[in-house]
Amino acid sequence: MSVTILTEQFTRELMTEMLPLAQACWDESSADKVKRCSFDGDRDIAVEPDVDTYLHLALKGNLILVAMREGKELVGFATAMLYHSMHHRRVLCACGDVFYVKPKYRGHASKLLAKVEEEFKAAGVVGAGWPCTIDGPVYKLLEVSGYKADDCIMEKRICALS
């Protein structure tokens, strides 16, 4: 199986193509997290991306989107947002948003990450972080790629989902 990994421009049409994979990512992480996240028992919700915010970030040059395709079929993608650190305004940072590869193509996940990191370097990113489940596949990929666990994200459900 031959895959291509390319940076693509975010569009509404591309989000439509990405949505089933984004939902699969949510569903898979929900199964991984079971009872340890603040959405315990309430993770069977549909992913509803804020497309306008993604478009705004893309237009400002603050969104990186790398797609993995077999032929024309989208089989994986990663998105990350760029921002200047609130504590060190000269430091450009990247925050991973979504990293998902269909199971059949996961042998290529490290190539997807490498392409994302190329984009980070080209943008001048100093530090990058990826929120991920500690015992999930993305954590393991990041760890073998030189990332280190730093802060922990603590969650608490404050209001019901409306």
N, C-alpha and C. Protein backbone atom coordinates (compact mmCIF):
# COMPACT_ATOMS: atom_id res chain seq x y z
N MET A 1 0.84 -1.16 0.00
CA MET A 1 0.00 0.00 0.00
C MET A 1 0.89 1.23 0.00
N SER A 2 0.65 2.12 -0.92
CA SER A 2 1.44 3.33 -1.05
C SER A 2 0.64 4.52 -0.53
N VAL A 3 1.23 5.21 0.43
CA VAL A 3 0.55 6.38 0.97
C VAL A 3 1.37 7.62 0.65
N THR A 4 0.66 8.74 0.55
CA THR A 4 1.32 10.03 0.42
C THR A 4 0.96 10.86 1.65
N ILE A 5 1.90 11.65 2.08
CA ILE A 5 1.70 12.50 3.25
C ILE A 5 2.07 13.91 2.84
N LEU A 6 1.06 14.78 2.83
CA LEU A 6 1.25 16.15 2.35
C LEU A 6 0.53 17.14 3.24
N THR A 7 1.09 18.34 3.33
CA THR A 7 0.40 19.43 3.98
C THR A 7 -0.71 19.90 3.05
N GLU A 8 -1.88 20.11 3.60
CA GLU A 8 -3.01 20.57 2.80
C GLU A 8 -3.60 21.82 3.44
N GLN A 9 -4.25 22.62 2.62
CA GLN A 9 -4.93 23.82 3.10
C GLN A 9 -6.29 23.42 3.66
N PHE A 10 -6.63 23.92 4.83
CA PHE A 10 -7.92 23.61 5.43
C PHE A 10 -9.04 24.28 4.64
N THR A 11 -10.08 23.51 4.34
CA THR A 11 -11.29 24.03 3.69
C THR A 11 -12.50 23.33 4.31
N ARG A 12 -13.66 23.89 4.06
CA ARG A 12 -14.90 23.24 4.53
C ARG A 12 -15.04 21.85 3.90
N GLU A 13 -14.67 21.72 2.65
CA GLU A 13 -14.77 20.44 1.96
C GLU A 13 -13.84 19.40 2.59
N LEU A 14 -12.63 19.85 2.94
CA LEU A 14 -11.70 18.93 3.58
C LEU A 14 -12.21 18.52 4.96
N MET A 15 -12.84 19.44 5.68
CA MET A 15 -13.40 19.08 6.99
C MET A 15 -14.47 18.01 6.83
N THR A 16 -15.26 18.10 5.78
CA THR A 16 -16.28 17.07 5.52
C THR A 16 -15.61 15.72 5.33
N GLU A 17 -14.49 15.71 4.65
CA GLU A 17 -13.74 14.48 4.42
C GLU A 17 -13.09 13.98 5.72
N MET A 18 -12.66 14.91 6.56
CA MET A 18 -11.98 14.57 7.81
C MET A 18 -12.95 14.08 8.90
N LEU A 19 -14.19 14.51 8.84
CA LEU A 19 -15.14 14.27 9.92
C LEU A 19 -15.29 12.79 10.31
N PRO A 20 -15.43 11.85 9.38
CA PRO A 20 -15.55 10.45 9.81
C PRO A 20 -14.31 9.96 10.56
N LEU A 21 -13.13 10.43 10.16
CA LEU A 21 -11.91 10.04 10.86
C LEU A 21 -11.84 10.70 12.23
N ALA A 22 -12.28 11.97 12.31
CA ALA A 22 -12.31 12.66 13.61
C ALA A 22 -13.26 11.94 14.57
N GLN A 23 -14.39 11.48 14.05
CA GLN A 23 -15.33 10.74 14.90
C GLN A 23 -14.71 9.41 15.34
N ALA A 24 -14.04 8.73 14.43
CA ALA A 24 -13.37 7.47 14.78
C ALA A 24 -12.32 7.71 15.85
N CYS A 25 -11.60 8.82 15.75
CA CYS A 25 -10.60 9.18 16.76
C CYS A 25 -11.26 9.37 18.12
N TRP A 26 -12.36 10.12 18.14
CA TRP A 26 -13.10 10.35 19.39
C TRP A 26 -13.60 9.03 19.97
N ASP A 27 -14.18 8.22 19.12
CA ASP A 27 -14.73 6.94 19.59
C ASP A 27 -13.63 6.03 20.14
N GLU A 28 -12.51 5.99 19.46
CA GLU A 28 -11.40 5.15 19.91
C GLU A 28 -10.83 5.66 21.24
N SER A 29 -10.66 6.97 21.34
CA SER A 29 -10.13 7.50 22.60
C SER A 29 -11.14 7.32 23.72
N SER A 30 -12.42 7.36 23.39
CA SER A 30 -13.45 7.13 24.41
C SER A 30 -13.34 5.72 24.97
N ALA A 31 -13.11 4.76 24.09
CA ALA A 31 -12.95 3.37 24.54
C ALA A 31 -11.69 3.22 25.38
N ASP A 32 -10.62 3.93 25.01
CA ASP A 32 -9.37 3.86 25.77
C ASP A 32 -9.51 4.46 27.17
N LYS A 33 -10.27 5.55 27.26
CA LYS A 33 -10.35 6.29 28.53
C LYS A 33 -11.33 5.68 29.52
N VAL A 34 -12.31 5.01 29.03
CA VAL A 34 -13.37 4.37 29.81
C VAL A 34 -13.83 5.25 30.97
N LYS A 35 -13.29 5.07 32.15
CA LYS A 35 -13.83 5.76 33.33
C LYS A 35 -12.93 6.84 33.88
N ARG A 36 -11.88 7.22 33.18
CA ARG A 36 -10.98 8.17 33.82
C ARG A 36 -11.11 9.61 33.31
N CYS A 37 -12.04 9.89 32.42
CA CYS A 37 -12.17 11.28 31.98
C CYS A 37 -13.47 11.88 32.51
N SER A 38 -13.57 13.20 32.44
CA SER A 38 -14.72 13.89 33.02
C SER A 38 -16.01 13.64 32.23
N PHE A 39 -15.92 13.07 31.04
CA PHE A 39 -17.11 12.73 30.27
C PHE A 39 -17.52 11.28 30.51
N ASP A 40 -17.09 10.68 31.61
CA ASP A 40 -17.40 9.29 31.94
C ASP A 40 -18.88 9.01 31.72
N GLY A 41 -19.15 8.02 30.94
CA GLY A 41 -20.54 7.61 30.70
C GLY A 41 -21.27 8.50 29.71
N ASP A 42 -20.61 9.53 29.18
CA ASP A 42 -21.30 10.48 28.30
C ASP A 42 -20.39 10.87 27.13
N ARG A 43 -19.66 9.89 26.60
CA ARG A 43 -18.74 10.17 25.50
C ARG A 43 -19.29 9.72 24.15
N ASP A 44 -20.53 9.26 24.12
CA ASP A 44 -21.10 8.82 22.84
C ASP A 44 -21.75 10.00 22.12
N ILE A 45 -20.99 11.09 22.01
CA ILE A 45 -21.51 12.29 21.36
C ILE A 45 -20.84 12.44 20.00
N ALA A 46 -21.55 13.07 19.10
CA ALA A 46 -21.02 13.30 17.76
C ALA A 46 -20.01 14.44 17.78
N VAL A 47 -18.94 14.27 17.03
CA VAL A 47 -17.96 15.34 16.87
C VAL A 47 -18.59 16.41 15.99
N GLU A 48 -18.56 17.64 16.46
CA GLU A 48 -19.12 18.78 15.72
C GLU A 48 -18.09 19.89 15.68
N PRO A 49 -17.14 19.83 14.75
CA PRO A 49 -16.07 20.83 14.72
C PRO A 49 -16.57 22.25 14.47
N ASP A 50 -15.87 23.19 15.04
CA ASP A 50 -16.12 24.61 14.80
C ASP A 50 -15.35 25.00 13.55
N VAL A 51 -15.95 24.77 12.41
CA VAL A 51 -15.29 24.95 11.12
C VAL A 51 -14.84 26.39 10.95
N ASP A 52 -15.64 27.35 11.39
CA ASP A 52 -15.27 28.76 11.23
C ASP A 52 -13.97 29.09 11.99
N THR A 53 -13.79 28.51 13.17
CA THR A 53 -12.56 28.75 13.91
C THR A 53 -11.37 28.11 13.21
N TYR A 54 -11.54 26.91 12.72
CA TYR A 54 -10.47 26.27 11.95
C TYR A 54 -10.11 27.14 10.74
N LEU A 55 -11.11 27.63 10.02
CA LEU A 55 -10.85 28.49 8.86
C LEU A 55 -10.11 29.76 9.28
N HIS A 56 -10.53 30.36 10.37
CA HIS A 56 -9.88 31.57 10.88
C HIS A 56 -8.40 31.29 11.20
N LEU A 57 -8.15 30.19 11.90
CA LEU A 57 -6.76 29.84 12.23
C LEU A 57 -5.94 29.60 10.96
N ALA A 58 -6.54 28.92 9.99
CA ALA A 58 -5.84 28.63 8.74
C ALA A 58 -5.51 29.92 7.99
N LEU A 59 -6.46 30.83 7.92
CA LEU A 59 -6.24 32.10 7.22
C LEU A 59 -5.15 32.93 7.88
N LYS A 60 -5.01 32.83 9.19
CA LYS A 60 -3.98 33.58 9.92
C LYS A 60 -2.63 32.85 9.93
N GLY A 61 -2.59 31.66 9.33
CA GLY A 61 -1.34 30.90 9.32
C GLY A 61 -1.06 30.19 10.63
N ASN A 62 -2.10 29.98 11.43
CA ASN A 62 -1.95 29.36 12.75
C ASN A 62 -2.50 27.94 12.82
N LEU A 63 -2.70 27.31 11.68
CA LEU A 63 -3.19 25.93 11.66
C LEU A 63 -2.31 25.13 10.72
N ILE A 64 -1.85 24.00 11.20
CA ILE A 64 -1.12 23.06 10.36
C ILE A 64 -2.00 21.84 10.18
N LEU A 65 -2.15 21.41 8.94
CA LEU A 65 -2.95 20.24 8.64
C LEU A 65 -2.13 19.37 7.68
N VAL A 66 -1.84 18.17 8.12
CA VAL A 66 -1.10 17.22 7.29
C VAL A 66 -2.01 16.02 7.07
N ALA A 67 -2.17 15.66 5.81
CA ALA A 67 -3.06 14.56 5.43
C ALA A 67 -2.26 13.36 4.94
N MET A 68 -2.75 12.19 5.27
CA MET A 68 -2.20 10.94 4.76
C MET A 68 -3.26 10.34 3.85
N ARG A 69 -2.86 10.04 2.63
CA ARG A 69 -3.81 9.51 1.65
C ARG A 69 -3.26 8.26 0.98
N GLU A 70 -4.18 7.37 0.69
CA GLU A 70 -3.88 6.28 -0.24
C GLU A 70 -4.70 6.60 -1.48
N GLY A 71 -4.01 6.95 -2.54
CA GLY A 71 -4.72 7.49 -3.71
C GLY A 71 -5.37 8.79 -3.29
N LYS A 72 -6.66 8.89 -3.51
CA LYS A 72 -7.39 10.10 -3.11
C LYS A 72 -8.05 9.96 -1.74
N GLU A 73 -8.06 8.73 -1.21
CA GLU A 73 -8.74 8.47 0.05
C GLU A 73 -7.94 8.99 1.24
N LEU A 74 -8.59 9.77 2.09
CA LEU A 74 -7.98 10.25 3.33
C LEU A 74 -7.96 9.09 4.32
N VAL A 75 -6.76 8.68 4.75
CA VAL A 75 -6.64 7.54 5.67
C VAL A 75 -6.04 7.96 7.02
N GLY A 76 -5.67 9.22 7.13
CA GLY A 76 -5.15 9.74 8.38
C GLY A 76 -4.89 11.22 8.25
N PHE A 77 -4.81 11.90 9.38
CA PHE A 77 -4.47 13.32 9.36
C PHE A 77 -4.04 13.77 10.74
N ALA A 78 -3.36 14.90 10.74
CA ALA A 78 -2.98 15.54 11.99
C ALA A 78 -3.21 17.03 11.83
N THR A 79 -3.72 17.65 12.88
CA THR A 79 -3.87 19.09 12.91
C THR A 79 -3.21 19.62 14.17
N ALA A 80 -2.66 20.81 14.05
CA ALA A 80 -2.03 21.47 15.20
C ALA A 80 -2.22 22.97 15.05
N MET A 81 -2.31 23.64 16.18
CA MET A 81 -2.46 25.08 16.21
C MET A 81 -1.16 25.72 16.66
N LEU A 82 -0.82 26.85 16.04
CA LEU A 82 0.36 27.60 16.42
C LEU A 82 -0.05 28.81 17.23
N TYR A 83 0.74 29.15 18.24
CA TYR A 83 0.44 30.30 19.08
C TYR A 83 1.74 30.75 19.76
N HIS A 84 1.75 32.00 20.16
CA HIS A 84 2.89 32.50 20.94
C HIS A 84 2.59 32.27 22.42
N SER A 85 3.58 31.78 23.12
CA SER A 85 3.43 31.49 24.53
C SER A 85 2.95 32.72 25.29
N MET A 86 2.01 32.52 26.17
CA MET A 86 1.53 33.62 27.02
C MET A 86 2.59 34.03 28.04
N HIS A 87 3.49 33.14 28.34
CA HIS A 87 4.52 33.42 29.35
C HIS A 87 5.82 33.92 28.72
N HIS A 88 6.04 33.57 27.48
CA HIS A 88 7.27 33.94 26.77
C HIS A 88 6.87 34.34 25.36
N ARG A 89 6.46 35.57 25.18
CA ARG A 89 5.81 36.00 23.94
C ARG A 89 6.63 35.80 22.68
N ARG A 90 7.95 35.67 22.78
CA ARG A 90 8.78 35.44 21.60
C ARG A 90 8.85 33.96 21.22
N VAL A 91 8.27 33.11 22.04
CA VAL A 91 8.36 31.66 21.82
C VAL A 91 7.11 31.18 21.07
N LEU A 92 7.33 30.69 19.85
CA LEU A 92 6.23 30.12 19.08
C LEU A 92 6.05 28.66 19.48
N CYS A 93 4.83 28.32 19.79
CA CYS A 93 4.50 26.97 20.25
C CYS A 93 3.50 26.33 19.30
N ALA A 94 3.42 25.02 19.38
CA ALA A 94 2.41 24.26 18.65
C ALA A 94 1.67 23.37 19.64
N CYS A 95 0.37 23.31 19.48
CA CYS A 95 -0.45 22.42 20.30
C CYS A 95 -1.17 21.46 19.36
N GLY A 96 -0.86 20.19 19.50
CA GLY A 96 -1.53 19.19 18.69
C GLY A 96 -3.02 19.19 18.96
N ASP A 97 -3.79 19.04 17.93
CA ASP A 97 -5.25 19.05 18.04
C ASP A 97 -5.78 17.64 17.81
N VAL A 98 -5.55 17.09 16.64
CA VAL A 98 -5.99 15.73 16.32
C VAL A 98 -4.84 15.01 15.62
N PHE A 99 -4.64 13.75 16.00
CA PHE A 99 -3.70 12.88 15.30
C PHE A 99 -4.41 11.55 15.17
N TYR A 100 -4.79 11.20 13.95
CA TYR A 100 -5.51 9.95 13.76
C TYR A 100 -5.10 9.30 12.44
N VAL A 101 -4.87 8.01 12.51
CA VAL A 101 -4.57 7.19 11.34
C VAL A 101 -5.44 5.94 11.43
N LYS A 102 -6.11 5.60 10.34
CA LYS A 102 -6.91 4.37 10.34
C LYS A 102 -6.01 3.20 10.72
N PRO A 103 -6.55 2.24 11.47
CA PRO A 103 -5.72 1.12 11.97
C PRO A 103 -4.86 0.44 10.91
N LYS A 104 -5.41 0.22 9.74
CA LYS A 104 -4.69 -0.47 8.67
C LYS A 104 -3.41 0.27 8.24
N TYR A 105 -3.35 1.58 8.50
CA TYR A 105 -2.25 2.42 8.03
C TYR A 105 -1.33 2.89 9.15
N ARG A 106 -1.50 2.37 10.34
CA ARG A 106 -0.74 2.88 11.48
C ARG A 106 0.76 2.64 11.39
N GLY A 107 1.18 1.74 10.53
CA GLY A 107 2.61 1.56 10.31
C GLY A 107 3.26 2.80 9.70
N HIS A 108 2.44 3.72 9.18
CA HIS A 108 2.93 4.96 8.58
C HIS A 108 2.79 6.16 9.52
N ALA A 109 2.32 5.94 10.74
CA ALA A 109 2.06 7.06 11.66
C ALA A 109 3.30 7.88 11.95
N SER A 110 4.46 7.23 12.06
CA SER A 110 5.69 7.99 12.36
C SER A 110 6.04 8.92 11.20
N LYS A 111 5.70 8.55 9.97
CA LYS A 111 5.95 9.42 8.81
C LYS A 111 5.02 10.64 8.86
N LEU A 112 3.79 10.42 9.31
CA LEU A 112 2.86 11.54 9.46
C LEU A 112 3.40 12.52 10.50
N LEU A 113 3.84 11.99 11.64
CA LEU A 113 4.40 12.85 12.68
C LEU A 113 5.63 13.58 12.18
N ALA A 114 6.49 12.91 11.44
CA ALA A 114 7.71 13.54 10.91
C ALA A 114 7.35 14.71 9.99
N LYS A 115 6.31 14.55 9.18
CA LYS A 115 5.89 15.65 8.29
C LYS A 115 5.34 16.81 9.10
N VAL A 116 4.57 16.52 10.14
CA VAL A 116 4.06 17.59 11.01
C VAL A 116 5.24 18.34 11.62
N GLU A 117 6.24 17.61 12.09
CA GLU A 117 7.41 18.26 12.69
C GLU A 117 8.19 19.09 11.67
N GLU A 118 8.24 18.65 10.41
CA GLU A 118 8.85 19.48 9.35
C GLU A 118 8.13 20.81 9.25
N GLU A 119 6.81 20.76 9.30
CA GLU A 119 6.01 21.99 9.24
C GLU A 119 6.26 22.87 10.47
N PHE A 120 6.39 22.24 11.64
CA PHE A 120 6.71 23.00 12.85
C PHE A 120 8.04 23.73 12.67
N LYS A 121 9.05 23.02 12.21
CA LYS A 121 10.38 23.62 12.01
C LYS A 121 10.31 24.76 11.02
N ALA A 122 9.62 24.57 9.92
CA ALA A 122 9.51 25.60 8.89
C ALA A 122 8.83 26.86 9.44
N ALA A 123 7.90 26.68 10.37
CA ALA A 123 7.20 27.82 10.97
C ALA A 123 8.01 28.48 12.08
N GLY A 124 9.06 27.81 12.56
CA GLY A 124 9.86 28.36 13.65
C GLY A 124 9.36 27.98 15.04
N VAL A 125 8.61 26.89 15.13
CA VAL A 125 8.08 26.44 16.41
C VAL A 125 9.25 26.04 17.33
N VAL A 126 9.20 26.54 18.55
CA VAL A 126 10.22 26.23 19.55
C VAL A 126 9.84 24.97 20.32
N GLY A 127 8.59 24.87 20.73
CA GLY A 127 8.12 23.72 21.50
C GLY A 127 6.75 23.28 21.05
N ALA A 128 6.55 21.96 21.09
CA ALA A 128 5.26 21.40 20.66
C ALA A 128 4.74 20.45 21.73
N GLY A 129 3.45 20.48 21.93
CA GLY A 129 2.81 19.57 22.87
C GLY A 129 1.61 18.90 22.22
N TRP A 130 1.35 17.69 22.64
CA TRP A 130 0.21 16.92 22.12
C TRP A 130 -0.57 16.35 23.30
N PRO A 131 -1.76 16.85 23.58
CA PRO A 131 -2.59 16.17 24.58
C PRO A 131 -2.91 14.77 24.07
N CYS A 132 -2.68 13.77 24.89
CA CYS A 132 -2.95 12.40 24.46
C CYS A 132 -3.17 11.52 25.69
N THR A 133 -3.80 10.40 25.46
CA THR A 133 -4.06 9.43 26.51
C THR A 133 -2.77 8.70 26.85
N ILE A 134 -2.45 8.62 28.12
CA ILE A 134 -1.15 8.10 28.56
C ILE A 134 -0.88 6.67 28.12
N ASP A 135 -1.91 5.87 27.94
CA ASP A 135 -1.66 4.49 27.50
C ASP A 135 -2.19 4.24 26.09
N GLY A 136 -2.36 5.32 25.33
CA GLY A 136 -2.86 5.19 23.97
C GLY A 136 -1.73 5.16 22.94
N PRO A 137 -2.07 4.88 21.69
CA PRO A 137 -1.06 4.73 20.64
C PRO A 137 -0.31 6.02 20.31
N VAL A 138 -0.97 7.18 20.43
CA VAL A 138 -0.28 8.43 20.12
C VAL A 138 0.79 8.72 21.18
N TYR A 139 0.49 8.44 22.43
CA TYR A 139 1.49 8.63 23.50
C TYR A 139 2.74 7.82 23.20
N LYS A 140 2.54 6.57 22.84
CA LYS A 140 3.69 5.69 22.55
C LYS A 140 4.49 6.20 21.36
N LEU A 141 3.80 6.65 20.30
CA LEU A 141 4.46 7.20 19.13
C LEU A 141 5.28 8.44 19.50
N LEU A 142 4.67 9.33 20.27
CA LEU A 142 5.37 10.55 20.66
C LEU A 142 6.58 10.23 21.53
N GLU A 143 6.42 9.30 22.44
CA GLU A 143 7.51 8.93 23.34
C GLU A 143 8.72 8.40 22.55
N VAL A 144 8.49 7.51 21.62
CA VAL A 144 9.62 6.97 20.84
C VAL A 144 10.19 8.01 19.87
N SER A 145 9.43 9.09 19.64
CA SER A 145 9.89 10.17 18.76
C SER A 145 10.58 11.29 19.53
N GLY A 146 10.81 11.08 20.83
CA GLY A 146 11.57 12.04 21.61
C GLY A 146 10.76 12.99 22.47
N TYR A 147 9.45 12.87 22.47
CA TYR A 147 8.63 13.73 23.33
C TYR A 147 8.69 13.19 24.76
N LYS A 148 8.52 14.09 25.71
CA LYS A 148 8.54 13.72 27.12
C LYS A 148 7.23 14.15 27.78
N ALA A 149 6.74 13.31 28.67
CA ALA A 149 5.55 13.67 29.44
C ALA A 149 5.94 14.81 30.38
N ASP A 150 5.15 15.86 30.42
CA ASP A 150 5.44 17.00 31.27
C ASP A 150 4.27 17.23 32.20
N ASP A 151 3.42 18.16 31.88
CA ASP A 151 2.27 18.45 32.73
C ASP A 151 1.16 17.43 32.52
N CYS A 152 0.30 17.36 33.47
CA CYS A 152 -0.88 16.50 33.42
C CYS A 152 -2.10 17.40 33.30
N ILE A 153 -3.04 17.04 32.47
CA ILE A 153 -4.28 17.80 32.34
C ILE A 153 -5.32 17.15 33.26
N MET A 154 -5.78 17.91 34.22
CA MET A 154 -6.82 17.44 35.14
C MET A 154 -8.16 17.96 34.61
N GLU A 155 -9.16 17.10 34.58
CA GLU A 155 -10.48 17.48 34.08
C GLU A 155 -11.52 17.34 35.19
N LYS A 156 -12.52 18.18 35.10
CA LYS A 156 -13.69 18.05 35.97
C LYS A 156 -14.89 18.54 35.17
N ARG A 157 -15.93 17.78 35.18
CA ARG A 157 -17.16 18.17 34.49
C ARG A 157 -17.86 19.21 35.33
N ILE A 158 -18.06 20.41 34.80
CA ILE A 158 -18.68 21.51 35.53
C ILE A 158 -20.17 21.61 35.21
N CYS A 159 -20.52 21.59 33.94
CA CYS A 159 -21.92 21.69 33.52
C CYS A 159 -22.26 20.49 32.63
N ALA A 160 -23.52 20.22 32.53
CA ALA A 160 -23.97 19.17 31.62
C ALA A 160 -23.83 19.65 30.18
N LEU A 161 -23.60 18.73 29.30
CA LEU A 161 -23.54 19.04 27.87
C LEU A 161 -24.93 19.41 27.40
N SER A 162 -25.04 20.54 26.72
CA SER A 162 -26.38 20.94 26.26
C SER A 162 -26.53 20.79 24.77
